[in-house]
Amino acid sequence: MENMVAESFKYMILGMGIVFVFLYVMVLVLQFQAKMIGKYFPEKPADKGGETAGVDKKKVAAAIAAIQHHKNLRK
């Protein structure tokens, strides 16, 4: 019986070690990937006044009105 407990403990440590090593390697690979993407595909600078460019103010107002109407129906 003691042998089975020792063996199960050994497999538990082995399994947890494999998972830890896999996760550590995955973090390293993702950090490397982020550096490569940042190097070869840098973000383009945003327009200074272009934050609301392409947004239809009438549609935004209609969406806000619909949300307010829905909230008032729930009361």
C-alpha atoms as a PDB file:
ATOM      1  CA  MET A   1       0.000   0.000   0.000  1.00  0.00           C
ATOM      2  CA  GLU A   2       2.849   2.383   0.821  1.00  0.00           C
ATOM      3  CA  ASN A   3       4.368   1.652  -2.553  1.00  0.00           C
ATOM      4  CA  MET A   4       1.183   2.750  -4.316  1.00  0.00           C
ATOM      5  CA  VAL A   5       1.086   6.031  -2.361  1.00  0.00           C
ATOM      6  CA  ALA A   6       4.718   6.748  -3.211  1.00  0.00           C
ATOM      7  CA  GLU A   7       4.121   5.922  -6.849  1.00  0.00           C
ATOM      8  CA  SER A   8       1.019   8.106  -7.036  1.00  0.00           C
ATOM      9  CA  PHE A   9       2.939  10.949  -5.390  1.00  0.00           C
ATOM     10  CA  LYS A  10       5.722  10.492  -7.949  1.00  0.00           C
ATOM     11  CA  TYR A  11       3.235  10.690 -10.843  1.00  0.00           C
ATOM     12  CA  MET A  12       1.565  13.736  -9.316  1.00  0.00           C
ATOM     13  CA  ILE A  13       4.892  15.578  -9.091  1.00  0.00           C
ATOM     14  CA  LEU A  14       5.808  14.479 -12.605  1.00  0.00           C
ATOM     15  CA  GLY A  15       2.482  15.657 -14.031  1.00  0.00           C
ATOM     16  CA  MET A  16       2.588  18.995 -12.228  1.00  0.00           C
ATOM     17  CA  GLY A  17       6.168  19.495 -13.384  1.00  0.00           C
ATOM     18  CA  ILE A  18       5.261  18.824 -16.990  1.00  0.00           C
ATOM     19  CA  VAL A  19       2.372  21.289 -16.806  1.00  0.00           C
ATOM     20  CA  PHE A  20       4.600  23.916 -15.182  1.00  0.00           C
ATOM     21  CA  VAL A  21       7.311  23.501 -17.821  1.00  0.00           C
ATOM     22  CA  PHE A  22       4.720  23.662 -20.619  1.00  0.00           C
ATOM     23  CA  LEU A  23       3.186  26.858 -19.244  1.00  0.00           C
ATOM     24  CA  TYR A  24       6.603  28.441 -18.737  1.00  0.00           C
ATOM     25  CA  VAL A  25       7.649  27.625 -22.312  1.00  0.00           C
ATOM     26  CA  MET A  26       4.304  28.933 -23.596  1.00  0.00           C
ATOM     27  CA  VAL A  27       4.864  32.270 -21.807  1.00  0.00           C
ATOM     28  CA  LEU A  28       8.342  32.548 -23.306  1.00  0.00           C
ATOM     29  CA  VAL A  29       7.045  31.784 -26.806  1.00  0.00           C
ATOM     30  CA  LEU A  30       4.215  34.323 -26.479  1.00  0.00           C
ATOM     31  CA  GLN A  31       6.623  37.017 -25.270  1.00  0.00           C
ATOM     32  CA  PHE A  32       8.927  36.282 -28.203  1.00  0.00           C
ATOM     33  CA  GLN A  33       5.960  36.378 -30.585  1.00  0.00           C
ATOM     34  CA  ALA A  34       4.857  39.748 -29.185  1.00  0.00           C
ATOM     35  CA  LYS A  35       8.335  41.169 -29.723  1.00  0.00           C
ATOM     36  CA  MET A  36       8.459  39.890 -33.312  1.00  0.00           C
ATOM     37  CA  ILE A  37       5.011  41.239 -34.137  1.00  0.00           C
ATOM     38  CA  GLY A  38       5.917  44.602 -32.589  1.00  0.00           C
ATOM     39  CA  LYS A  39       9.130  44.699 -34.593  1.00  0.00           C
ATOM     40  CA  TYR A  40       7.764  43.723 -38.007  1.00  0.00           C
ATOM     41  CA  PHE A  41       4.220  45.094 -37.693  1.00  0.00           C
ATOM     42  CA  PRO A  42       4.437  48.287 -35.628  1.00  0.00           C
ATOM     43  CA  GLU A  43       1.224  50.081 -34.731  1.00  0.00           C
ATOM     44  CA  LYS A  44       0.443  53.085 -36.882  1.00  0.00           C
ATOM     45  CA  PRO A  45       0.086  56.348 -34.999  1.00  0.00           C
ATOM     46  CA  ALA A  46      -3.545  57.395 -34.538  1.00  0.00           C
ATOM     47  CA  ASP A  47      -4.927  60.609 -35.999  1.00  0.00           C
ATOM     48  CA  LYS A  48      -4.972  63.455 -33.524  1.00  0.00           C
ATOM     49  CA  GLY A  49      -8.557  64.499 -34.288  1.00  0.00           C
ATOM     50  CA  GLY A  50      -9.744  61.239 -35.759  1.00  0.00           C
ATOM     51  CA  GLU A  51     -11.154  59.643 -32.622  1.00  0.00           C
ATOM     52  CA  THR A  52     -14.749  60.224 -33.732  1.00  0.00           C
ATOM     53  CA  ALA A  53     -14.074  60.030 -37.446  1.00  0.00           C
ATOM     54  CA  GLY A  54     -16.587  57.782 -39.172  1.00  0.00           C
ATOM     55  CA  VAL A  55     -19.040  57.784 -36.253  1.00  0.00           C
ATOM     56  CA  ASP A  56     -22.544  58.898 -37.172  1.00  0.00           C
ATOM     57  CA  LYS A  57     -23.783  61.117 -34.348  1.00  0.00           C
ATOM     58  CA  LYS A  58     -27.413  60.380 -35.223  1.00  0.00           C
ATOM     59  CA  LYS A  59     -26.859  56.645 -34.794  1.00  0.00           C
ATOM     60  CA  VAL A  60     -25.121  57.202 -31.459  1.00  0.00           C
ATOM     61  CA  ALA A  61     -28.001  59.385 -30.276  1.00  0.00           C
ATOM     62  CA  ALA A  62     -30.527  56.750 -31.397  1.00  0.00           C
ATOM     63  CA  ALA A  63     -28.628  53.999 -29.565  1.00  0.00           C
ATOM     64  CA  ILE A  64     -28.478  56.062 -26.362  1.00  0.00           C
ATOM     65  CA  ALA A  65     -32.191  56.859 -26.629  1.00  0.00           C
ATOM     66  CA  ALA A  66     -33.011  53.162 -27.116  1.00  0.00           C
ATOM     67  CA  ILE A  67     -30.980  52.203 -24.056  1.00  0.00           C
ATOM     68  CA  GLN A  68     -32.657  54.881 -21.950  1.00  0.00           C
ATOM     69  CA  HIS A  69     -36.074  53.757 -23.176  1.00  0.00           C
ATOM     70  CA  HIS A  70     -35.263  50.144 -22.313  1.00  0.00           C
ATOM     71  CA  LYS A  71     -34.096  51.133 -18.816  1.00  0.00           C
ATOM     72  CA  ASN A  72     -37.312  53.112 -18.262  1.00  0.00           C
ATOM     73  CA  LEU A  73     -39.437  50.095 -19.263  1.00  0.00           C
ATOM     74  CA  ARG A  74     -37.802  47.951 -16.584  1.00  0.00           C
ATOM     75  CA  LYS A  75     -38.794  50.309 -13.747  1.00  0.00           C
END
